[in-house]
Amino acid sequence: MLIGFALIVGFYGLGELTQNVLGVPVPGSILGMLYLFGFLVWRRQVADSLHRSSKVLINNLALLLIPSSVGVITCAALLERQGVAIVLTLSISIVFSLLLTAWLLARLSRSQGTDQ
C-alpha cells in the first residue's frame, strides 16, 4: 500500500513540477492526475497497492475536505459579495462533472464489453 501512496504523491509532484517549470495555467494537482490517468491507460491495469491506497483515500475523503471548509468559513466577506456567483459556478461544474463521468463510464464499459 505504501507503494501506491508513493505513486500518487509522485504523480502529484510531477504535475506540480510541470506547472512550476512550464507555467501552465492548470493546477499541478490536475496535471498530476492526468499523468496518473495516462499511466493507467498505458498499463491497462491498476496495481493492487494503488487500488488499496486510493480506496483508503476515498474512504477518508471527508477528512481531506475539512481544510477547504475552514477556508470557506474564514472568507465570509468574500462570500457575501460573490456568494451567488460561486454557488452557481460550483453547481454548473458539479453537474458537468457528473454528466461527463457518466458518459465516460458508459463509453468505456461498452468498449470493454462490461455492460452491467
PDB file of N, CA and C in Angstrom:
ATOM      1  N   MET A   1       0.827  -1.191   0.000  1.00  0.00           N
ATOM      2  CA  MET A   1       0.000   0.000   0.000  1.00  0.00           C
ATOM      3  C   MET A   1       0.875   1.260   0.000  1.00  0.00           C
ATOM      4  N   LEU A   2       2.033   1.184   0.607  1.00  0.00           N
ATOM      5  CA  LEU A   2       2.949   2.321   0.641  1.00  0.00           C
ATOM      6  C   LEU A   2       3.418   2.690  -0.770  1.00  0.00           C
ATOM      7  N   ILE A   3       3.589   1.685  -1.608  1.00  0.00           N
ATOM      8  CA  ILE A   3       3.992   1.941  -2.994  1.00  0.00           C
ATOM      9  C   ILE A   3       2.885   2.706  -3.728  1.00  0.00           C
ATOM     10  N   GLY A   4       1.647   2.365  -3.446  1.00  0.00           N
ATOM     11  CA  GLY A   4       0.521   3.073  -4.065  1.00  0.00           C
ATOM     12  C   GLY A   4       0.483   4.540  -3.666  1.00  0.00           C
ATOM     13  N   PHE A   5       0.686   4.807  -2.366  1.00  0.00           N
ATOM     14  CA  PHE A   5       0.727   6.197  -1.916  1.00  0.00           C
ATOM     15  C   PHE A   5       1.904   6.935  -2.554  1.00  0.00           C
ATOM     16  N   ALA A   6       3.046   6.262  -2.653  1.00  0.00           N
ATOM     17  CA  ALA A   6       4.220   6.883  -3.274  1.00  0.00           C
ATOM     18  C   ALA A   6       3.940   7.201  -4.744  1.00  0.00           C
ATOM     19  N   LEU A   7       3.224   6.330  -5.416  1.00  0.00           N
ATOM     20  CA  LEU A   7       2.869   6.560  -6.820  1.00  0.00           C
ATOM     21  C   LEU A   7       1.960   7.779  -6.955  1.00  0.00           C
ATOM     22  N   ILE A   8       0.968   7.879  -6.089  1.00  0.00           N
ATOM     23  CA  ILE A   8       0.044   9.020  -6.122  1.00  0.00           C
ATOM     24  C   ILE A   8       0.803  10.315  -5.846  1.00  0.00           C
ATOM     25  N   VAL A   9       1.629  10.314  -4.809  1.00  0.00           N
ATOM     26  CA  VAL A   9       2.397  11.517  -4.463  1.00  0.00           C
ATOM     27  C   VAL A   9       3.406  11.842  -5.560  1.00  0.00           C
ATOM     28  N   GLY A  10       3.987  10.816  -6.159  1.00  0.00           N
ATOM     29  CA  GLY A  10       4.939  11.035  -7.240  1.00  0.00           C
ATOM     30  C   GLY A  10       4.312  11.718  -8.442  1.00  0.00           C
ATOM     31  N   PHE A  11       3.131  11.262  -8.844  1.00  0.00           N
ATOM     32  CA  PHE A  11       2.452  11.900  -9.970  1.00  0.00           C
ATOM     33  C   PHE A  11       1.981  13.305  -9.608  1.00  0.00           C
ATOM     34  N   TYR A  12       1.587  13.493  -8.353  1.00  0.00           N
ATOM     35  CA  TYR A  12       1.238  14.842  -7.892  1.00  0.00           C
ATOM     36  C   TYR A  12       2.460  15.760  -8.002  1.00  0.00           C
ATOM     37  N   GLY A  13       3.596  15.279  -7.541  1.00  0.00           N
ATOM     38  CA  GLY A  13       4.832  16.059  -7.627  1.00  0.00           C
ATOM     39  C   GLY A  13       5.228  16.364  -9.055  1.00  0.00           C
ATOM     40  N   LEU A  14       5.064  15.389  -9.936  1.00  0.00           N
ATOM     41  CA  LEU A  14       5.373  15.595 -11.352  1.00  0.00           C
ATOM     42  C   LEU A  14       4.467  16.674 -11.948  1.00  0.00           C
ATOM     43  N   GLY A  15       3.204  16.657 -11.570  1.00  0.00           N
ATOM     44  CA  GLY A  15       2.278  17.690 -12.041  1.00  0.00           C
ATOM     45  C   GLY A  15       2.657  19.062 -11.524  1.00  0.00           C
ATOM     46  N   GLU A  16       3.017  19.146 -10.246  1.00  0.00           N
ATOM     47  CA  GLU A  16       3.442  20.424  -9.663  1.00  0.00           C
ATOM     48  C   GLU A  16       4.715  20.925 -10.342  1.00  0.00           C
ATOM     49  N   LEU A  17       5.636  20.020 -10.593  1.00  0.00           N
ATOM     50  CA  LEU A  17       6.881  20.386 -11.260  1.00  0.00           C
ATOM     51  C   LEU A  17       6.606  20.924 -12.665  1.00  0.00           C
ATOM     52  N   THR A  18       5.742  20.236 -13.390  1.00  0.00           N
ATOM     53  CA  THR A  18       5.375  20.676 -14.734  1.00  0.00           C
ATOM     54  C   THR A  18       4.755  22.064 -14.696  1.00  0.00           C
ATOM     55  N   GLN A  19       3.850  22.273 -13.749  1.00  0.00           N
ATOM     56  CA  GLN A  19       3.169  23.562 -13.640  1.00  0.00           C
ATOM     57  C   GLN A  19       4.153  24.676 -13.297  1.00  0.00           C
ATOM     58  N   ASN A  20       5.079  24.412 -12.399  1.00  0.00           N
ATOM     59  CA  ASN A  20       6.038  25.434 -11.990  1.00  0.00           C
ATOM     60  C   ASN A  20       7.078  25.718 -13.070  1.00  0.00           C
ATOM     61  N   VAL A  21       7.557  24.690 -13.742  1.00  0.00           N
ATOM     62  CA  VAL A  21       8.603  24.877 -14.754  1.00  0.00           C
ATOM     63  C   VAL A  21       8.037  25.497 -16.030  1.00  0.00           C
ATOM     64  N   LEU A  22       6.914  24.979 -16.494  1.00  0.00           N
ATOM     65  CA  LEU A  22       6.356  25.454 -17.758  1.00  0.00           C
ATOM     66  C   LEU A  22       5.389  26.621 -17.584  1.00  0.00           C
ATOM     67  N   GLY A  23       4.940  26.866 -16.365  1.00  0.00           N
ATOM     68  CA  GLY A  23       3.995  27.948 -16.135  1.00  0.00           C
ATOM     69  C   GLY A  23       2.634  27.696 -16.753  1.00  0.00           C
ATOM     70  N   VAL A  24       2.260  26.445 -16.858  1.00  0.00           N
ATOM     71  CA  VAL A  24       0.967  26.068 -17.433  1.00  0.00           C
ATOM     72  C   VAL A  24      -0.144  26.607 -16.526  1.00  0.00           C
ATOM     73  N   PRO A  25      -1.205  27.186 -17.103  1.00  0.00           N
ATOM     74  CA  PRO A  25      -2.273  27.745 -16.265  1.00  0.00           C
ATOM     75  C   PRO A  25      -3.248  26.697 -15.725  1.00  0.00           C
ATOM     76  N   VAL A  26      -2.761  25.515 -15.455  1.00  0.00           N
ATOM     77  CA  VAL A  26      -3.567  24.433 -14.896  1.00  0.00           C
ATOM     78  C   VAL A  26      -2.894  24.020 -13.588  1.00  0.00           C
ATOM     79  N   PRO A  27      -3.661  23.806 -12.516  1.00  0.00           N
ATOM     80  CA  PRO A  27      -3.035  23.407 -11.250  1.00  0.00           C
ATOM     81  C   PRO A  27      -2.218  22.126 -11.397  1.00  0.00           C
ATOM     82  N   GLY A  28      -1.121  22.072 -10.659  1.00  0.00           N
ATOM     83  CA  GLY A  28      -0.246  20.910 -10.710  1.00  0.00           C
ATOM     84  C   GLY A  28      -0.940  19.628 -10.303  1.00  0.00           C
ATOM     85  N   SER A  29      -1.879  19.725  -9.370  1.00  0.00           N
ATOM     86  CA  SER A  29      -2.595  18.522  -8.938  1.00  0.00           C
ATOM     87  C   SER A  29      -3.425  17.938 -10.083  1.00  0.00           C
ATOM     88  N   ILE A  30      -3.994  18.797 -10.905  1.00  0.00           N
ATOM     89  CA  ILE A  30      -4.772  18.328 -12.057  1.00  0.00           C
ATOM     90  C   ILE A  30      -3.847  17.690 -13.084  1.00  0.00           C
ATOM     91  N   LEU A  31      -2.710  18.325 -13.337  1.00  0.00           N
ATOM     92  CA  LEU A  31      -1.737  17.749 -14.266  1.00  0.00           C
ATOM     93  C   LEU A  31      -1.261  16.387 -13.769  1.00  0.00           C
ATOM     94  N   GLY A  32      -0.992  16.289 -12.474  1.00  0.00           N
ATOM     95  CA  GLY A  32      -0.574  15.012 -11.900  1.00  0.00           C
ATOM     96  C   GLY A  32      -1.635  13.940 -12.064  1.00  0.00           C
ATOM     97  N   MET A  33      -2.898  14.326 -11.892  1.00  0.00           N
ATOM     98  CA  MET A  33      -3.984  13.372 -12.074  1.00  0.00           C
ATOM     99  C   MET A  33      -4.063  12.916 -13.532  1.00  0.00           C
ATOM    100  N   LEU A  34      -3.839  13.858 -14.456  1.00  0.00           N
ATOM    101  CA  LEU A  34      -3.835  13.485 -15.871  1.00  0.00           C
ATOM    102  C   LEU A  34      -2.661  12.565 -16.193  1.00  0.00           C
ATOM    103  N   TYR A  35      -1.499  12.832 -15.607  1.00  0.00           N
ATOM    104  CA  TYR A  35      -0.348  11.941 -15.796  1.00  0.00           C
ATOM    105  C   TYR A  35      -0.656  10.542 -15.260  1.00  0.00           C
ATOM    106  N   LEU A  36      -1.257  10.478 -14.074  1.00  0.00           N
ATOM    107  CA  LEU A  36      -1.608   9.178 -13.489  1.00  0.00           C
ATOM    108  C   LEU A  36      -2.622   8.459 -14.370  1.00  0.00           C
ATOM    109  N   PHE A  37      -3.606   9.194 -14.880  1.00  0.00           N
ATOM    110  CA  PHE A  37      -4.601   8.592 -15.765  1.00  0.00           C
ATOM    111  C   PHE A  37      -3.932   8.025 -17.019  1.00  0.00           C
ATOM    112  N   GLY A  38      -3.043   8.814 -17.621  1.00  0.00           N
ATOM    113  CA  GLY A  38      -2.321   8.345 -18.803  1.00  0.00           C
ATOM    114  C   GLY A  38      -1.495   7.107 -18.511  1.00  0.00           C
ATOM    115  N   PHE A  39      -0.858   7.094 -17.345  1.00  0.00           N
ATOM    116  CA  PHE A  39      -0.064   5.938 -16.932  1.00  0.00           C
ATOM    117  C   PHE A  39      -0.945   4.697 -16.793  1.00  0.00           C
ATOM    118  N   LEU A  40      -2.116   4.864 -16.198  1.00  0.00           N
ATOM    119  CA  LEU A  40      -3.020   3.722 -16.010  1.00  0.00           C
ATOM    120  C   LEU A  40      -3.594   3.235 -17.338  1.00  0.00           C
ATOM    121  N   VAL A  41      -3.880   4.168 -18.241  1.00  0.00           N
ATOM    122  CA  VAL A  41      -4.361   3.768 -19.575  1.00  0.00           C
ATOM    123  C   VAL A  41      -3.264   3.008 -20.303  1.00  0.00           C
ATOM    124  N   TRP A  42      -2.043   3.498 -20.198  1.00  0.00           N
ATOM    125  CA  TRP A  42      -0.905   2.836 -20.848  1.00  0.00           C
ATOM    126  C   TRP A  42      -0.685   1.437 -20.283  1.00  0.00           C
ATOM    127  N   ARG A  43      -0.790   1.295 -18.955  1.00  0.00           N
ATOM    128  CA  ARG A  43      -0.588  -0.021 -18.325  1.00  0.00           C
ATOM    129  C   ARG A  43      -1.768  -0.964 -18.526  1.00  0.00           C
ATOM    130  N   ARG A  44      -2.943  -0.412 -18.700  1.00  0.00           N
ATOM    131  CA  ARG A  44      -4.188  -1.178 -18.875  1.00  0.00           C
ATOM    132  C   ARG A  44      -4.589  -1.989 -17.647  1.00  0.00           C
ATOM    133  N   GLN A  45      -4.045  -1.613 -16.497  1.00  0.00           N
ATOM    134  CA  GLN A  45      -4.456  -2.243 -15.238  1.00  0.00           C
ATOM    135  C   GLN A  45      -4.035  -1.362 -14.082  1.00  0.00           C
ATOM    136  N   VAL A  46      -4.673  -1.584 -12.950  1.00  0.00           N
ATOM    137  CA  VAL A  46      -4.352  -0.832 -11.736  1.00  0.00           C
ATOM    138  C   VAL A  46      -3.651  -1.785 -10.781  1.00  0.00           C
ATOM    139  N   ALA A  47      -2.477  -1.387 -10.327  1.00  0.00           N
ATOM    140  CA  ALA A  47      -1.733  -2.218  -9.379  1.00  0.00           C
ATOM    141  C   ALA A  47      -2.523  -2.344  -8.087  1.00  0.00           C
ATOM    142  N   ASP A  48      -2.393  -3.484  -7.435  1.00  0.00           N
ATOM    143  CA  ASP A  48      -3.125  -3.739  -6.197  1.00  0.00           C
ATOM    144  C   ASP A  48      -2.800  -2.703  -5.131  1.00  0.00           C
ATOM    145  N   SER A  49      -1.532  -2.322  -5.010  1.00  0.00           N
ATOM    146  CA  SER A  49      -1.160  -1.338  -3.985  1.00  0.00           C
ATOM    147  C   SER A  49      -1.799   0.020  -4.277  1.00  0.00           C
ATOM    148  N   LEU A  50      -1.889   0.402  -5.536  1.00  0.00           N
ATOM    149  CA  LEU A  50      -2.533   1.665  -5.892  1.00  0.00           C
ATOM    150  C   LEU A  50      -4.031   1.586  -5.629  1.00  0.00           C
ATOM    151  N   HIS A  51      -4.627   0.452  -5.923  1.00  0.00           N
ATOM    152  CA  HIS A  51      -6.060   0.269  -5.673  1.00  0.00           C
ATOM    153  C   HIS A  51      -6.358   0.385  -4.180  1.00  0.00           C
ATOM    154  N   ARG A  52      -5.569  -0.277  -3.347  1.00  0.00           N
ATOM    155  CA  ARG A  52      -5.790  -0.223  -1.900  1.00  0.00           C
ATOM    156  C   ARG A  52      -5.549   1.188  -1.351  1.00  0.00           C
ATOM    157  N   SER A  53      -4.507   1.851  -1.834  1.00  0.00           N
ATOM    158  CA  SER A  53      -4.200   3.201  -1.362  1.00  0.00           C
ATOM    159  C   SER A  53      -5.297   4.190  -1.740  1.00  0.00           C
ATOM    160  N   SER A  54      -5.773   4.096  -2.963  1.00  0.00           N
ATOM    161  CA  SER A  54      -6.824   5.010  -3.396  1.00  0.00           C
ATOM    162  C   SER A  54      -8.125   4.739  -2.649  1.00  0.00           C
ATOM    163  N   LYS A  55      -8.371   3.480  -2.317  1.00  0.00           N
ATOM    164  CA  LYS A  55      -9.573   3.142  -1.554  1.00  0.00           C
ATOM    165  C   LYS A  55      -9.527   3.772  -0.162  1.00  0.00           C
ATOM    166  N   VAL A  56      -8.346   3.761   0.472  1.00  0.00           N
ATOM    167  CA  VAL A  56      -8.183   4.404   1.784  1.00  0.00           C
ATOM    168  C   VAL A  56      -8.452   5.902   1.661  1.00  0.00           C
ATOM    169  N   LEU A  57      -7.914   6.527   0.623  1.00  0.00           N
ATOM    170  CA  LEU A  57      -8.128   7.967   0.437  1.00  0.00           C
ATOM    171  C   LEU A  57      -9.599   8.284   0.181  1.00  0.00           C
ATOM    172  N   ILE A  58     -10.251   7.484  -0.634  1.00  0.00           N
ATOM    173  CA  ILE A  58     -11.666   7.721  -0.923  1.00  0.00           C
ATOM    174  C   ILE A  58     -12.520   7.515   0.319  1.00  0.00           C
ATOM    175  N   ASN A  59     -12.205   6.498   1.115  1.00  0.00           N
ATOM    176  CA  ASN A  59     -12.974   6.255   2.337  1.00  0.00           C
ATOM    177  C   ASN A  59     -12.822   7.377   3.350  1.00  0.00           C
ATOM    178  N   ASN A  60     -11.722   8.108   3.286  1.00  0.00           N
ATOM    179  CA  ASN A  60     -11.476   9.210   4.219  1.00  0.00           C
ATOM    180  C   ASN A  60     -11.529  10.564   3.533  1.00  0.00           C
ATOM    181  N   LEU A  61     -12.262  10.651   2.448  1.00  0.00           N
ATOM    182  CA  LEU A  61     -12.334  11.875   1.668  1.00  0.00           C
ATOM    183  C   LEU A  61     -12.875  13.046   2.482  1.00  0.00           C
ATOM    184  N   ALA A  62     -13.794  12.787   3.370  1.00  0.00           N
ATOM    185  CA  ALA A  62     -14.358  13.871   4.187  1.00  0.00           C
ATOM    186  C   ALA A  62     -13.269  14.573   4.994  1.00  0.00           C
ATOM    187  N   LEU A  63     -12.300  13.832   5.482  1.00  0.00           N
ATOM    188  CA  LEU A  63     -11.208  14.445   6.237  1.00  0.00           C
ATOM    189  C   LEU A  63     -10.362  15.365   5.366  1.00  0.00           C
ATOM    190  N   LEU A  64     -10.243  15.036   4.083  1.00  0.00           N
ATOM    191  CA  LEU A  64      -9.461  15.858   3.176  1.00  0.00           C
ATOM    192  C   LEU A  64     -10.185  17.156   2.824  1.00  0.00           C
ATOM    193  N   LEU A  65     -11.490  17.205   3.041  1.00  0.00           N
ATOM    194  CA  LEU A  65     -12.265  18.396   2.721  1.00  0.00           C
ATOM    195  C   LEU A  65     -12.357  19.381   3.886  1.00  0.00           C
ATOM    196  N   ILE A  66     -11.933  18.986   5.069  1.00  0.00           N
ATOM    197  CA  ILE A  66     -12.025  19.860   6.236  1.00  0.00           C
ATOM    198  C   ILE A  66     -11.229  21.151   6.055  1.00  0.00           C
ATOM    199  N   PRO A  67      -9.973  21.123   5.588  1.00  0.00           N
ATOM    200  CA  PRO A  67      -9.243  22.393   5.428  1.00  0.00           C
ATOM    201  C   PRO A  67      -9.925  23.371   4.476  1.00  0.00           C
ATOM    202  N   SER A  68     -10.458  22.873   3.380  1.00  0.00           N
ATOM    203  CA  SER A  68     -11.140  23.786   2.451  1.00  0.00           C
ATOM    204  C   SER A  68     -12.426  24.323   3.058  1.00  0.00           C
ATOM    205  N   SER A  69     -13.101  23.534   3.866  1.00  0.00           N
ATOM    206  CA  SER A  69     -14.317  24.007   4.534  1.00  0.00           C
ATOM    207  C   SER A  69     -13.992  25.127   5.518  1.00  0.00           C
ATOM    208  N   VAL A  70     -12.918  24.973   6.257  1.00  0.00           N
ATOM    209  CA  VAL A  70     -12.493  26.014   7.187  1.00  0.00           C
ATOM    210  C   VAL A  70     -12.099  27.271   6.420  1.00  0.00           C
ATOM    211  N   GLY A  71     -11.434  27.094   5.280  1.00  0.00           N
ATOM    212  CA  GLY A  71     -11.059  28.240   4.457  1.00  0.00           C
ATOM    213  C   GLY A  71     -12.263  29.015   3.974  1.00  0.00           C
ATOM    214  N   VAL A  72     -13.328  28.317   3.625  1.00  0.00           N
ATOM    215  CA  VAL A  72     -14.543  28.987   3.176  1.00  0.00           C
ATOM    216  C   VAL A  72     -15.150  29.797   4.314  1.00  0.00           C
ATOM    217  N   ILE A  73     -15.143  29.254   5.508  1.00  0.00           N
ATOM    218  CA  ILE A  73     -15.724  29.938   6.659  1.00  0.00           C
ATOM    219  C   ILE A  73     -14.967  31.231   6.963  1.00  0.00           C
ATOM    220  N   THR A  74     -13.653  31.217   6.774  1.00  0.00           N
ATOM    221  CA  THR A  74     -12.860  32.415   7.076  1.00  0.00           C
ATOM    222  C   THR A  74     -13.003  33.499   6.014  1.00  0.00           C
ATOM    223  N   CYS A  75     -13.669  33.208   4.913  1.00  0.00           N
ATOM    224  CA  CYS A  75     -13.850  34.182   3.821  1.00  0.00           C
ATOM    225  C   CYS A  75     -15.292  34.659   3.752  1.00  0.00           C
ATOM    226  N   ALA A  76     -15.890  34.973   4.889  1.00  0.00           N
ATOM    227  CA  ALA A  76     -17.295  35.369   4.923  1.00  0.00           C
ATOM    228  C   ALA A  76     -17.554  36.629   4.094  1.00  0.00           C
ATOM    229  N   ALA A  77     -16.643  37.599   4.134  1.00  0.00           N
ATOM    230  CA  ALA A  77     -16.847  38.838   3.377  1.00  0.00           C
ATOM    231  C   ALA A  77     -16.878  38.559   1.871  1.00  0.00           C
ATOM    232  N   LEU A  78     -15.995  37.689   1.422  1.00  0.00           N
ATOM    233  CA  LEU A  78     -15.973  37.322   0.007  1.00  0.00           C
ATOM    234  C   LEU A  78     -17.263  36.605  -0.380  1.00  0.00           C
ATOM    235  N   LEU A  79     -17.744  35.745   0.502  1.00  0.00           N
ATOM    236  CA  LEU A  79     -18.987  35.020   0.214  1.00  0.00           C
ATOM    237  C   LEU A  79     -20.180  35.967   0.133  1.00  0.00           C
ATOM    238  N   GLU A  80     -20.163  37.015   0.957  1.00  0.00           N
ATOM    239  CA  GLU A  80     -21.263  37.985   0.880  1.00  0.00           C
ATOM    240  C   GLU A  80     -21.275  38.691  -0.471  1.00  0.00           C
ATOM    241  N   ARG A  81     -20.094  39.019  -0.994  1.00  0.00           N
ATOM    242  CA  ARG A  81     -20.016  39.731  -2.270  1.00  0.00           C
ATOM    243  C   ARG A  81     -20.200  38.806  -3.464  1.00  0.00           C
ATOM    244  N   GLN A  82     -19.614  37.625  -3.428  1.00  0.00           N
ATOM    245  CA  GLN A  82     -19.561  36.745  -4.599  1.00  0.00           C
ATOM    246  C   GLN A  82     -20.272  35.405  -4.390  1.00  0.00           C
ATOM    247  N   GLY A  83     -21.057  35.283  -3.342  1.00  0.00           N
ATOM    248  CA  GLY A  83     -21.681  34.008  -2.986  1.00  0.00           C
ATOM    249  C   GLY A  83     -22.524  33.392  -4.083  1.00  0.00           C
ATOM    250  N   VAL A  84     -23.366  34.214  -4.715  1.00  0.00           N
ATOM    251  CA  VAL A  84     -24.253  33.693  -5.755  1.00  0.00           C
ATOM    252  C   VAL A  84     -23.434  33.176  -6.939  1.00  0.00           C
ATOM    253  N   ALA A  85     -22.429  33.932  -7.350  1.00  0.00           N
ATOM    254  CA  ALA A  85     -21.588  33.511  -8.478  1.00  0.00           C
ATOM    255  C   ALA A  85     -20.833  32.227  -8.140  1.00  0.00           C
ATOM    256  N   ILE A  86     -20.344  32.131  -6.918  1.00  0.00           N
ATOM    257  CA  ILE A  86     -19.602  30.933  -6.501  1.00  0.00           C
ATOM    258  C   ILE A  86     -20.512  29.715  -6.504  1.00  0.00           C
ATOM    259  N   VAL A  87     -21.684  29.852  -5.916  1.00  0.00           N
ATOM    260  CA  VAL A  87     -22.625  28.723  -5.856  1.00  0.00           C
ATOM    261  C   VAL A  87     -23.070  28.318  -7.255  1.00  0.00           C
ATOM    262  N   LEU A  88     -23.338  29.291  -8.117  1.00  0.00           N
ATOM    263  CA  LEU A  88     -23.752  28.990  -9.488  1.00  0.00           C
ATOM    264  C   LEU A  88     -22.639  28.262 -10.244  1.00  0.00           C
ATOM    265  N   THR A  89     -21.430  28.762 -10.116  1.00  0.00           N
ATOM    266  CA  THR A  89     -20.296  28.133 -10.794  1.00  0.00           C
ATOM    267  C   THR A  89     -20.067  26.715 -10.282  1.00  0.00           C
ATOM    268  N   LEU A  90     -20.109  26.536  -8.967  1.00  0.00           N
ATOM    269  CA  LEU A  90     -19.931  25.195  -8.406  1.00  0.00           C
ATOM    270  C   LEU A  90     -21.037  24.244  -8.865  1.00  0.00           C
ATOM    271  N   SER A  91     -22.261  24.727  -8.897  1.00  0.00           N
ATOM    272  CA  SER A  91     -23.383  23.879  -9.314  1.00  0.00           C
ATOM    273  C   SER A  91     -23.227  23.432 -10.767  1.00  0.00           C
ATOM    274  N   ILE A  92     -22.886  24.377 -11.627  1.00  0.00           N
ATOM    275  CA  ILE A  92     -22.705  24.032 -13.042  1.00  0.00           C
ATOM    276  C   ILE A  92     -21.550  23.051 -13.216  1.00  0.00           C
ATOM    277  N   SER A  93     -20.446  23.284 -12.508  1.00  0.00           N
ATOM    278  CA  SER A  93     -19.294  22.390 -12.663  1.00  0.00           C
ATOM    279  C   SER A  93     -19.587  21.000 -12.107  1.00  0.00           C
ATOM    280  N   ILE A  94     -20.358  20.908 -11.044  1.00  0.00           N
ATOM    281  CA  ILE A  94     -20.708  19.599 -10.490  1.00  0.00           C
ATOM    282  C   ILE A  94     -21.590  18.832 -11.469  1.00  0.00           C
ATOM    283  N   VAL A  95     -22.597  19.499 -12.018  1.00  0.00           N
ATOM    284  CA  VAL A  95     -23.483  18.834 -12.986  1.00  0.00           C
ATOM    285  C   VAL A  95     -22.681  18.395 -14.207  1.00  0.00           C
ATOM    286  N   PHE A  96     -21.812  19.279 -14.718  1.00  0.00           N
ATOM    287  CA  PHE A  96     -20.981  18.936 -15.869  1.00  0.00           C
ATOM    288  C   PHE A  96     -20.080  17.738 -15.553  1.00  0.00           C
ATOM    289  N   SER A  97     -19.473  17.724 -14.377  1.00  0.00           N
ATOM    290  CA  SER A  97     -18.595  16.618 -13.980  1.00  0.00           C
ATOM    291  C   SER A  97     -19.359  15.300 -13.887  1.00  0.00           C
ATOM    292  N   LEU A  98     -20.549  15.351 -13.311  1.00  0.00           N
ATOM    293  CA  LEU A  98     -21.356  14.129 -13.201  1.00  0.00           C
ATOM    294  C   LEU A  98     -21.754  13.602 -14.575  1.00  0.00           C
ATOM    295  N   LEU A  99     -22.176  14.502 -15.458  1.00  0.00           N
ATOM    296  CA  LEU A  99     -22.565  14.076 -16.802  1.00  0.00           C
ATOM    297  C   LEU A  99     -21.377  13.517 -17.573  1.00  0.00           C
ATOM    298  N   LEU A 100     -20.238  14.175 -17.482  1.00  0.00           N
ATOM    299  CA  LEU A 100     -19.042  13.699 -18.170  1.00  0.00           C
ATOM    300  C   LEU A 100     -18.588  12.349 -17.620  1.00  0.00           C
ATOM    301  N   THR A 101     -18.640  12.187 -16.310  1.00  0.00           N
ATOM    302  CA  THR A 101     -18.250  10.917 -15.701  1.00  0.00           C
ATOM    303  C   THR A 101     -19.179   9.794 -16.135  1.00  0.00           C
ATOM    304  N   ALA A 102     -20.478  10.060 -16.137  1.00  0.00           N
ATOM    305  CA  ALA A 102     -21.442   9.040 -16.562  1.00  0.00           C
ATOM    306  C   ALA A 102     -21.229   8.670 -18.029  1.00  0.00           C
ATOM    307  N   TRP A 103     -21.001   9.673 -18.868  1.00  0.00           N
ATOM    308  CA  TRP A 103     -20.771   9.420 -20.285  1.00  0.00           C
ATOM    309  C   TRP A 103     -19.502   8.591 -20.496  1.00  0.00           C
ATOM    310  N   LEU A 104     -18.416   8.975 -19.802  1.00  0.00           N
ATOM    311  CA  LEU A 104     -17.165   8.223 -19.928  1.00  0.00           C
ATOM    312  C   LEU A 104     -17.317   6.788 -19.433  1.00  0.00           C
ATOM    313  N   LEU A 105     -17.996   6.609 -18.316  1.00  0.00           N
ATOM    314  CA  LEU A 105     -18.205   5.262 -17.783  1.00  0.00           C
ATOM    315  C   LEU A 105     -18.989   4.412 -18.772  1.00  0.00           C
ATOM    316  N   ALA A 106     -20.055   4.969 -19.343  1.00  0.00           N
ATOM    317  CA  ALA A 106     -20.856   4.215 -20.314  1.00  0.00           C
ATOM    318  C   ALA A 106     -20.031   3.875 -21.546  1.00  0.00           C
ATOM    319  N   ARG A 107     -19.264   4.836 -22.024  1.00  0.00           N
ATOM    320  CA  ARG A 107     -18.477   4.606 -23.228  1.00  0.00           C
ATOM    321  C   ARG A 107     -17.355   3.582 -22.984  1.00  0.00           C
ATOM    322  N   LEU A 108     -16.651   3.718 -21.877  1.00  0.00           N
ATOM    323  CA  LEU A 108     -15.562   2.783 -21.578  1.00  0.00           C
ATOM    324  C   LEU A 108     -16.076   1.376 -21.269  1.00  0.00           C
ATOM    325  N   SER A 109     -17.216   1.292 -20.598  1.00  0.00           N
ATOM    326  CA  SER A 109     -17.739  -0.054 -20.294  1.00  0.00           C
ATOM    327  C   SER A 109     -18.216  -0.729 -21.565  1.00  0.00           C
ATOM    328  N   ARG A 110     -18.762   0.032 -22.520  1.00  0.00           N
ATOM    329  CA  ARG A 110     -19.146  -0.562 -23.811  1.00  0.00           C
ATOM    330  C   ARG A 110     -17.940  -1.019 -24.600  1.00  0.00           C
ATOM    331  N   SER A 111     -16.866  -0.229 -24.574  1.00  0.00           N
ATOM    332  CA  SER A 111     -15.683  -0.582 -25.364  1.00  0.00           C
ATOM    333  C   SER A 111     -14.969  -1.800 -24.791  1.00  0.00           C
ATOM    334  N   GLN A 112     -15.143  -2.053 -23.496  1.00  0.00           N
ATOM    335  CA  GLN A 112     -14.519  -3.221 -22.891  1.00  0.00           C
ATOM    336  C   GLN A 112     -15.468  -4.411 -22.774  1.00  0.00           C
ATOM    337  N   GLY A 113     -16.703  -4.208 -23.209  1.00  0.00           N
ATOM    338  CA  GLY A 113     -17.667  -5.301 -23.179  1.00  0.00           C
ATOM    339  C   GLY A 113     -18.108  -5.682 -21.778  1.00  0.00           C
ATOM    340  N   THR A 114     -18.148  -4.689 -20.868  1.00  0.00           N
ATOM    341  CA  THR A 114     -18.544  -4.983 -19.475  1.00  0.00           C
ATOM    342  C   THR A 114     -19.837  -4.280 -19.120  1.00  0.00           C
ATOM    343  N   ASP A 115     -20.810  -4.242 -20.037  1.00  0.00           N
ATOM    344  CA  ASP A 115     -22.087  -3.628 -19.735  1.00  0.00           C
ATOM    345  C   ASP A 115     -22.741  -4.359 -18.574  1.00  0.00           C
ATOM    346  N   GLN A 116     -23.263  -3.577 -17.651  1.00  0.00           N
ATOM    347  CA  GLN A 116     -23.909  -4.186 -16.487  1.00  0.00           C
ATOM    348  C   GLN A 116     -25.286  -3.621 -16.299  1.00  0.00           C
TER     349      GLN A 116
END
